[in-house]
Amino acid sequence: MEEISTGKRVGVASTHFWFKHTGEVDIRQREENAATLTKVCEEMIRKYQVPVIAAGDLNHGIYSRSGEAVPYKNMLENGFQDVRF
């Protein structure tokens, strides 16, 4: 996205992680979703030299706030910031 009057740019990614919470396969799917989102954001930053806003439903529920969701922890360790709280 580009601000017309200033020319400042920002990258934006919108996502919706895997929604089921029934077992290990679902956890691995969300881990894969997180890895893919991280890669896409890193590519946008590198290619366009812009900050990136990634938003959407990460489907971590109550576990994200407590830090128990592995994909959530991995994203924070890779430079993402949770702006909900």
PDB file of N, CA and C in Angstrom:
ATOM      1  N   MET A   1       0.837  -1.164   0.000  1.00  0.00           N
ATOM      2  CA  MET A   1       0.000   0.000   0.000  1.00  0.00           C
ATOM      3  C   MET A   1       0.892   1.240   0.000  1.00  0.00           C
ATOM      4  N   GLU A   2       0.409   2.294  -0.623  1.00  0.00           N
ATOM      5  CA  GLU A   2       1.184   3.524  -0.678  1.00  0.00           C
ATOM      6  C   GLU A   2       0.301   4.721  -0.349  1.00  0.00           C
ATOM      7  N   GLU A   3       0.781   5.549   0.552  1.00  0.00           N
ATOM      8  CA  GLU A   3       0.108   6.805   0.880  1.00  0.00           C
ATOM      9  C   GLU A   3       0.331   7.762  -0.282  1.00  0.00           C
ATOM     10  N   ILE A   4      -0.723   8.193  -0.910  1.00  0.00           N
ATOM     11  CA  ILE A   4      -0.614   8.997  -2.133  1.00  0.00           C
ATOM     12  C   ILE A   4       0.139  10.306  -1.905  1.00  0.00           C
ATOM     13  N   SER A   5      -0.174  11.031  -0.843  1.00  0.00           N
ATOM     14  CA  SER A   5       0.421  12.356  -0.671  1.00  0.00           C
ATOM     15  C   SER A   5       1.891  12.317  -0.262  1.00  0.00           C
ATOM     16  N   THR A   6       2.306  11.263   0.454  1.00  0.00           N
ATOM     17  CA  THR A   6       3.692  11.208   0.938  1.00  0.00           C
ATOM     18  C   THR A   6       4.546  10.191   0.192  1.00  0.00           C
ATOM     19  N   GLY A   7       3.916   9.215  -0.429  1.00  0.00           N
ATOM     20  CA  GLY A   7       4.653   8.155  -1.100  1.00  0.00           C
ATOM     21  C   GLY A   7       5.161   7.079  -0.149  1.00  0.00           C
ATOM     22  N   LYS A   8       4.856   7.201   1.148  1.00  0.00           N
ATOM     23  CA  LYS A   8       5.284   6.176   2.109  1.00  0.00           C
ATOM     24  C   LYS A   8       4.515   4.889   1.837  1.00  0.00           C
ATOM     25  N   ARG A   9       5.243   3.766   1.967  1.00  0.00           N
ATOM     26  CA  ARG A   9       4.653   2.469   1.662  1.00  0.00           C
ATOM     27  C   ARG A   9       4.707   1.524   2.845  1.00  0.00           C
ATOM     28  N   VAL A  10       3.791   0.594   2.861  1.00  0.00           N
ATOM     29  CA  VAL A  10       3.745  -0.456   3.875  1.00  0.00           C
ATOM     30  C   VAL A  10       3.190  -1.717   3.209  1.00  0.00           C
ATOM     31  N   GLY A  11       3.716  -2.861   3.609  1.00  0.00           N
ATOM     32  CA  GLY A  11       3.191  -4.130   3.116  1.00  0.00           C
ATOM     33  C   GLY A  11       2.104  -4.618   4.052  1.00  0.00           C
ATOM     34  N   VAL A  12       1.122  -5.310   3.495  1.00  0.00           N
ATOM     35  CA  VAL A  12       0.013  -5.828   4.297  1.00  0.00           C
ATOM     36  C   VAL A  12      -0.250  -7.278   3.913  1.00  0.00           C
ATOM     37  N   ALA A  13      -0.375  -8.136   4.925  1.00  0.00           N
ATOM     38  CA  ALA A  13      -0.733  -9.533   4.710  1.00  0.00           C
ATOM     39  C   ALA A  13      -1.944  -9.851   5.572  1.00  0.00           C
ATOM     40  N   SER A  14      -2.911 -10.514   4.994  1.00  0.00           N
ATOM     41  CA  SER A  14      -4.107 -10.938   5.722  1.00  0.00           C
ATOM     42  C   SER A  14      -4.187 -12.458   5.648  1.00  0.00           C
ATOM     43  N   THR A  15      -4.500 -13.093   6.769  1.00  0.00           N
ATOM     44  CA  THR A  15      -4.477 -14.557   6.789  1.00  0.00           C
ATOM     45  C   THR A  15      -5.553 -15.125   7.697  1.00  0.00           C
ATOM     46  N   HIS A  16      -5.749 -16.402   7.589  1.00  0.00           N
ATOM     47  CA  HIS A  16      -6.642 -17.141   8.478  1.00  0.00           C
ATOM     48  C   HIS A  16      -6.026 -18.523   8.670  1.00  0.00           C
ATOM     49  N   PHE A  17      -5.457 -18.763   9.854  1.00  0.00           N
ATOM     50  CA  PHE A  17      -4.804 -20.037  10.135  1.00  0.00           C
ATOM     51  C   PHE A  17      -5.829 -21.168  10.249  1.00  0.00           C
ATOM     52  N   TRP A  18      -5.322 -22.386  10.149  1.00  0.00           N
ATOM     53  CA  TRP A  18      -6.132 -23.592  10.281  1.00  0.00           C
ATOM     54  C   TRP A  18      -6.977 -23.492  11.551  1.00  0.00           C
ATOM     55  N   PHE A  19      -8.230 -23.903  11.465  1.00  0.00           N
ATOM     56  CA  PHE A  19      -9.211 -23.630  12.519  1.00  0.00           C
ATOM     57  C   PHE A  19      -9.474 -24.765  13.491  1.00  0.00           C
ATOM     58  N   LYS A  20      -9.149 -25.994  13.144  1.00  0.00           N
ATOM     59  CA  LYS A  20      -9.491 -27.106  14.025  1.00  0.00           C
ATOM     60  C   LYS A  20      -8.514 -27.208  15.187  1.00  0.00           C
ATOM     61  N   HIS A  21      -9.012 -27.684  16.333  1.00  0.00           N
ATOM     62  CA  HIS A  21      -8.204 -27.845  17.544  1.00  0.00           C
ATOM     63  C   HIS A  21      -8.406 -29.240  18.110  1.00  0.00           C
ATOM     64  N   THR A  22      -8.234 -30.263  17.284  1.00  0.00           N
ATOM     65  CA  THR A  22      -8.542 -31.614  17.748  1.00  0.00           C
ATOM     66  C   THR A  22      -7.322 -32.477  18.020  1.00  0.00           C
ATOM     67  N   GLY A  23      -6.127 -32.003  17.680  1.00  0.00           N
ATOM     68  CA  GLY A  23      -4.969 -32.846  17.948  1.00  0.00           C
ATOM     69  C   GLY A  23      -3.694 -32.323  17.333  1.00  0.00           C
ATOM     70  N   GLU A  24      -2.688 -33.188  17.332  1.00  0.00           N
ATOM     71  CA  GLU A  24      -1.350 -32.829  16.868  1.00  0.00           C
ATOM     72  C   GLU A  24      -1.315 -32.401  15.402  1.00  0.00           C
ATOM     73  N   VAL A  25      -2.120 -33.020  14.571  1.00  0.00           N
ATOM     74  CA  VAL A  25      -2.137 -32.667  13.148  1.00  0.00           C
ATOM     75  C   VAL A  25      -2.559 -31.206  12.996  1.00  0.00           C
ATOM     76  N   ASP A  26      -3.533 -30.784  13.792  1.00  0.00           N
ATOM     77  CA  ASP A  26      -4.006 -29.403  13.719  1.00  0.00           C
ATOM     78  C   ASP A  26      -2.946 -28.428  14.216  1.00  0.00           C
ATOM     79  N   ILE A  27      -2.236 -28.801  15.252  1.00  0.00           N
ATOM     80  CA  ILE A  27      -1.155 -27.958  15.761  1.00  0.00           C
ATOM     81  C   ILE A  27      -0.067 -27.808  14.700  1.00  0.00           C
ATOM     82  N   ARG A  28       0.296 -28.916  14.069  1.00  0.00           N
ATOM     83  CA  ARG A  28       1.320 -28.867  13.013  1.00  0.00           C
ATOM     84  C   ARG A  28       0.857 -28.007  11.836  1.00  0.00           C
ATOM     85  N   GLN A  29      -0.421 -28.044  11.524  1.00  0.00           N
ATOM     86  CA  GLN A  29      -0.939 -27.232  10.429  1.00  0.00           C
ATOM     87  C   GLN A  29      -0.782 -25.747  10.752  1.00  0.00           C
ATOM     88  N   ARG A  30      -1.093 -25.356  11.988  1.00  0.00           N
ATOM     89  CA  ARG A  30      -0.927 -23.949  12.379  1.00  0.00           C
ATOM     90  C   ARG A  30       0.554 -23.565  12.422  1.00  0.00           C
ATOM     91  N   GLU A  31       1.412 -24.502  12.810  1.00  0.00           N
ATOM     92  CA  GLU A  31       2.851 -24.228  12.762  1.00  0.00           C
ATOM     93  C   GLU A  31       3.280 -23.962  11.321  1.00  0.00           C
ATOM     94  N   GLU A  32       2.750 -24.740  10.384  1.00  0.00           N
ATOM     95  CA  GLU A  32       3.065 -24.538   8.964  1.00  0.00           C
ATOM     96  C   GLU A  32       2.502 -23.197   8.473  1.00  0.00           C
ATOM     97  N   ASN A  33       1.299 -22.865   8.924  1.00  0.00           N
ATOM     98  CA  ASN A  33       0.718 -21.562   8.572  1.00  0.00           C
ATOM     99  C   ASN A  33       1.608 -20.427   9.068  1.00  0.00           C
ATOM    100  N   ALA A  34       2.102 -20.536  10.293  1.00  0.00           N
ATOM    101  CA  ALA A  34       2.960 -19.497  10.867  1.00  0.00           C
ATOM    102  C   ALA A  34       4.269 -19.378  10.092  1.00  0.00           C
ATOM    103  N   ALA A  35       4.842 -20.512   9.722  1.00  0.00           N
ATOM    104  CA  ALA A  35       6.093 -20.493   8.959  1.00  0.00           C
ATOM    105  C   ALA A  35       5.891 -19.849   7.593  1.00  0.00           C
ATOM    106  N   THR A  36       4.773 -20.148   6.960  1.00  0.00           N
ATOM    107  CA  THR A  36       4.484 -19.558   5.653  1.00  0.00           C
ATOM    108  C   THR A  36       4.277 -18.056   5.764  1.00  0.00           C
ATOM    109  N   LEU A  37       3.515 -17.617   6.763  1.00  0.00           N
ATOM    110  CA  LEU A  37       3.290 -16.183   6.957  1.00  0.00           C
ATOM    111  C   LEU A  37       4.606 -15.464   7.236  1.00  0.00           C
ATOM    112  N   THR A  38       5.449 -16.058   8.058  1.00  0.00           N
ATOM    113  CA  THR A  38       6.753 -15.461   8.360  1.00  0.00           C
ATOM    114  C   THR A  38       7.570 -15.303   7.089  1.00  0.00           C
ATOM    115  N   LYS A  39       7.595 -16.339   6.265  1.00  0.00           N
ATOM    116  CA  LYS A  39       8.358 -16.296   5.015  1.00  0.00           C
ATOM    117  C   LYS A  39       7.823 -15.211   4.080  1.00  0.00           C
ATOM    118  N   VAL A  40       6.520 -15.132   3.931  1.00  0.00           N
ATOM    119  CA  VAL A  40       5.916 -14.121   3.046  1.00  0.00           C
ATOM    120  C   VAL A  40       6.259 -12.710   3.539  1.00  0.00           C
ATOM    121  N   CYS A  41       6.150 -12.483   4.835  1.00  0.00           N
ATOM    122  CA  CYS A  41       6.461 -11.155   5.392  1.00  0.00           C
ATOM    123  C   CYS A  41       7.938 -10.814   5.198  1.00  0.00           C
ATOM    124  N   GLU A  42       8.814 -11.785   5.441  1.00  0.00           N
ATOM    125  CA  GLU A  42      10.246 -11.550   5.236  1.00  0.00           C
ATOM    126  C   GLU A  42      10.552 -11.217   3.778  1.00  0.00           C
ATOM    127  N   GLU A  43       9.881 -11.905   2.858  1.00  0.00           N
ATOM    128  CA  GLU A  43      10.089 -11.638   1.430  1.00  0.00           C
ATOM    129  C   GLU A  43       9.617 -10.228   1.056  1.00  0.00           C
ATOM    130  N   MET A  44       8.474  -9.802   1.597  1.00  0.00           N
ATOM    131  CA  MET A  44       7.990  -8.443   1.312  1.00  0.00           C
ATOM    132  C   MET A  44       8.950  -7.387   1.853  1.00  0.00           C
ATOM    133  N   ILE A  45       9.436  -7.611   3.066  1.00  0.00           N
ATOM    134  CA  ILE A  45      10.372  -6.662   3.674  1.00  0.00           C
ATOM    135  C   ILE A  45      11.634  -6.557   2.829  1.00  0.00           C
ATOM    136  N   ARG A  46      12.177  -7.701   2.433  1.00  0.00           N
ATOM    137  CA  ARG A  46      13.409  -7.722   1.652  1.00  0.00           C
ATOM    138  C   ARG A  46      13.202  -7.119   0.252  1.00  0.00           C
ATOM    139  N   LYS A  47      12.154  -7.530  -0.431  1.00  0.00           N
ATOM    140  CA  LYS A  47      11.937  -7.103  -1.806  1.00  0.00           C
ATOM    141  C   LYS A  47      11.543  -5.632  -1.925  1.00  0.00           C
ATOM    142  N   TYR A  48      10.679  -5.181  -1.033  1.00  0.00           N
ATOM    143  CA  TYR A  48      10.138  -3.823  -1.168  1.00  0.00           C
ATOM    144  C   TYR A  48      10.691  -2.824  -0.156  1.00  0.00           C
ATOM    145  N   GLN A  49      11.478  -3.316   0.815  1.00  0.00           N
ATOM    146  CA  GLN A  49      12.072  -2.441   1.837  1.00  0.00           C
ATOM    147  C   GLN A  49      10.998  -1.634   2.566  1.00  0.00           C
ATOM    148  N   VAL A  50       9.960  -2.336   3.031  1.00  0.00           N
ATOM    149  CA  VAL A  50       8.854  -1.688   3.731  1.00  0.00           C
ATOM    150  C   VAL A  50       8.547  -2.427   5.030  1.00  0.00           C
ATOM    151  N   PRO A  51       7.968  -1.731   6.009  1.00  0.00           N
ATOM    152  CA  PRO A  51       7.440  -2.443   7.169  1.00  0.00           C
ATOM    153  C   PRO A  51       6.205  -3.220   6.726  1.00  0.00           C
ATOM    154  N   VAL A  52       5.885  -4.303   7.431  1.00  0.00           N
ATOM    155  CA  VAL A  52       4.757  -5.142   7.044  1.00  0.00           C
ATOM    156  C   VAL A  52       3.804  -5.311   8.225  1.00  0.00           C
ATOM    157  N   ILE A  53       2.529  -5.180   7.930  1.00  0.00           N
ATOM    158  CA  ILE A  53       1.480  -5.444   8.908  1.00  0.00           C
ATOM    159  C   ILE A  53       0.816  -6.755   8.490  1.00  0.00           C
ATOM    160  N   ALA A  54       0.840  -7.736   9.388  1.00  0.00           N
ATOM    161  CA  ALA A  54       0.173  -9.013   9.130  1.00  0.00           C
ATOM    162  C   ALA A  54      -0.979  -9.141  10.119  1.00  0.00           C
ATOM    163  N   ALA A  55      -2.152  -9.434   9.611  1.00  0.00           N
ATOM    164  CA  ALA A  55      -3.323  -9.529  10.476  1.00  0.00           C
ATOM    165  C   ALA A  55      -4.202 -10.680  10.028  1.00  0.00           C
ATOM    166  N   GLY A  56      -5.058 -11.095  10.915  1.00  0.00           N
ATOM    167  CA  GLY A  56      -6.002 -12.143  10.581  1.00  0.00           C
ATOM    168  C   GLY A  56      -6.327 -12.980  11.790  1.00  0.00           C
ATOM    169  N   ASP A  57      -6.993 -14.079  11.560  1.00  0.00           N
ATOM    170  CA  ASP A  57      -7.368 -14.986  12.628  1.00  0.00           C
ATOM    171  C   ASP A  57      -6.330 -16.099  12.690  1.00  0.00           C
ATOM    172  N   LEU A  58      -5.504 -16.061  13.739  1.00  0.00           N
ATOM    173  CA  LEU A  58      -4.450 -17.061  13.875  1.00  0.00           C
ATOM    174  C   LEU A  58      -4.939 -18.310  14.599  1.00  0.00           C
ATOM    175  N   ASN A  59      -6.163 -18.290  15.060  1.00  0.00           N
ATOM    176  CA  ASN A  59      -6.800 -19.458  15.674  1.00  0.00           C
ATOM    177  C   ASN A  59      -5.962 -20.110  16.770  1.00  0.00           C
ATOM    178  N   HIS A  60      -5.417 -19.288  17.651  1.00  0.00           N
ATOM    179  CA  HIS A  60      -4.687 -19.826  18.796  1.00  0.00           C
ATOM    180  C   HIS A  60      -5.508 -19.738  20.072  1.00  0.00           C
ATOM    181  N   GLY A  61      -6.632 -19.058  20.009  1.00  0.00           N
ATOM    182  CA  GLY A  61      -7.524 -18.984  21.161  1.00  0.00           C
ATOM    183  C   GLY A  61      -6.837 -18.506  22.412  1.00  0.00           C
ATOM    184  N   ILE A  62      -7.242 -19.073  23.541  1.00  0.00           N
ATOM    185  CA  ILE A  62      -6.717 -18.652  24.838  1.00  0.00           C
ATOM    186  C   ILE A  62      -5.243 -18.968  24.990  1.00  0.00           C
ATOM    187  N   TYR A  63      -4.719 -19.894  24.207  1.00  0.00           N
ATOM    188  CA  TYR A  63      -3.334 -20.305  24.355  1.00  0.00           C
ATOM    189  C   TYR A  63      -2.356 -19.220  23.934  1.00  0.00           C
ATOM    190  N   SER A  64      -2.751 -18.344  23.019  1.00  0.00           N
ATOM    191  CA  SER A  64      -1.821 -17.318  22.564  1.00  0.00           C
ATOM    192  C   SER A  64      -1.498 -16.348  23.683  1.00  0.00           C
ATOM    193  N   ARG A  65      -2.474 -15.958  24.472  1.00  0.00           N
ATOM    194  CA  ARG A  65      -2.225 -15.003  25.553  1.00  0.00           C
ATOM    195  C   ARG A  65      -1.264 -15.593  26.584  1.00  0.00           C
ATOM    196  N   SER A  66      -1.393 -16.872  26.874  1.00  0.00           N
ATOM    197  CA  SER A  66      -0.537 -17.498  27.878  1.00  0.00           C
ATOM    198  C   SER A  66       0.815 -17.900  27.309  1.00  0.00           C
ATOM    199  N   GLY A  67       0.971 -17.818  25.980  1.00  0.00           N
ATOM    200  CA  GLY A  67       2.244 -18.179  25.370  1.00  0.00           C
ATOM    201  C   GLY A  67       2.426 -19.655  25.136  1.00  0.00           C
ATOM    202  N   GLU A  68       1.356 -20.434  25.285  1.00  0.00           N
ATOM    203  CA  GLU A  68       1.460 -21.883  25.138  1.00  0.00           C
ATOM    204  C   GLU A  68       1.421 -22.338  23.683  1.00  0.00           C
ATOM    205  N   ALA A  69       0.861 -21.544  22.805  1.00  0.00           N
ATOM    206  CA  ALA A  69       0.748 -21.963  21.407  1.00  0.00           C
ATOM    207  C   ALA A  69       2.106 -21.844  20.729  1.00  0.00           C
ATOM    208  N   VAL A  70       2.648 -22.954  20.284  1.00  0.00           N
ATOM    209  CA  VAL A  70       3.980 -22.969  19.681  1.00  0.00           C
ATOM    210  C   VAL A  70       4.085 -22.041  18.475  1.00  0.00           C
ATOM    211  N   PRO A  71       3.132 -22.083  17.517  1.00  0.00           N
ATOM    212  CA  PRO A  71       3.264 -21.166  16.369  1.00  0.00           C
ATOM    213  C   PRO A  71       3.293 -19.703  16.803  1.00  0.00           C
ATOM    214  N   TYR A  72       2.491 -19.365  17.796  1.00  0.00           N
ATOM    215  CA  TYR A  72       2.446 -17.996  18.314  1.00  0.00           C
ATOM    216  C   TYR A  72       3.807 -17.607  18.893  1.00  0.00           C
ATOM    217  N   LYS A  73       4.386 -18.472  19.710  1.00  0.00           N
ATOM    218  CA  LYS A  73       5.705 -18.201  20.295  1.00  0.00           C
ATOM    219  C   LYS A  73       6.754 -18.057  19.206  1.00  0.00           C
ATOM    220  N   ASN A  74       6.695 -18.933  18.185  1.00  0.00           N
ATOM    221  CA  ASN A  74       7.657 -18.859  17.091  1.00  0.00           C
ATOM    222  C   ASN A  74       7.554 -17.528  16.357  1.00  0.00           C
ATOM    223  N   MET A  75       6.339 -17.052  16.145  1.00  0.00           N
ATOM    224  CA  MET A  75       6.157 -15.786  15.442  1.00  0.00           C
ATOM    225  C   MET A  75       6.741 -14.638  16.262  1.00  0.00           C
ATOM    226  N   LEU A  76       6.495 -14.622  17.568  1.00  0.00           N
ATOM    227  CA  LEU A  76       7.052 -13.564  18.413  1.00  0.00           C
ATOM    228  C   LEU A  76       8.575 -13.606  18.400  1.00  0.00           C
ATOM    229  N   GLU A  77       9.148 -14.805  18.391  1.00  0.00           N
ATOM    230  CA  GLU A  77      10.601 -14.957  18.348  1.00  0.00           C
ATOM    231  C   GLU A  77      11.179 -14.484  17.014  1.00  0.00           C
ATOM    232  N   ASN A  78      10.344 -14.450  15.962  1.00  0.00           N
ATOM    233  CA  ASN A  78      10.776 -14.000  14.637  1.00  0.00           C
ATOM    234  C   ASN A  78      10.459 -12.527  14.377  1.00  0.00           C
ATOM    235  N   GLY A  79      10.154 -11.779  15.412  1.00  0.00           N
ATOM    236  CA  GLY A  79       9.983 -10.338  15.277  1.00  0.00           C
ATOM    237  C   GLY A  79       8.570  -9.837  15.140  1.00  0.00           C
ATOM    238  N   PHE A  80       7.591 -10.724  15.145  1.00  0.00           N
ATOM    239  CA  PHE A  80       6.203 -10.266  15.110  1.00  0.00           C
ATOM    240  C   PHE A  80       5.844  -9.637  16.452  1.00  0.00           C
ATOM    241  N   GLN A  81       4.889  -8.731  16.461  1.00  0.00           N
ATOM    242  CA  GLN A  81       4.394  -8.127  17.700  1.00  0.00           C
ATOM    243  C   GLN A  81       2.903  -8.330  17.768  1.00  0.00           C
ATOM    244  N   ASP A  82       2.411  -8.690  18.935  1.00  0.00           N
ATOM    245  CA  ASP A  82       0.983  -8.866  19.153  1.00  0.00           C
ATOM    246  C   ASP A  82       0.425  -7.521  19.592  1.00  0.00           C
ATOM    247  N   VAL A  83      -0.437  -6.942  18.792  1.00  0.00           N
ATOM    248  CA  VAL A  83      -0.961  -5.601  19.105  1.00  0.00           C
ATOM    249  C   VAL A  83      -2.344  -5.663  19.748  1.00  0.00           C
ATOM    250  N   ARG A  84      -2.809  -6.863  20.059  1.00  0.00           N
ATOM    251  CA  ARG A  84      -4.139  -6.985  20.663  1.00  0.00           C
ATOM    252  C   ARG A  84      -4.177  -6.505  22.101  1.00  0.00           C
ATOM    253  N   PHE A  85      -3.105  -6.698  22.824  1.00  0.00           N
ATOM    254  CA  PHE A  85      -3.152  -6.460  24.274  1.00  0.00           C
ATOM    255  C   PHE A  85      -2.517  -5.153  24.649  1.00  0.00           C
TER     256      PHE A  85
END
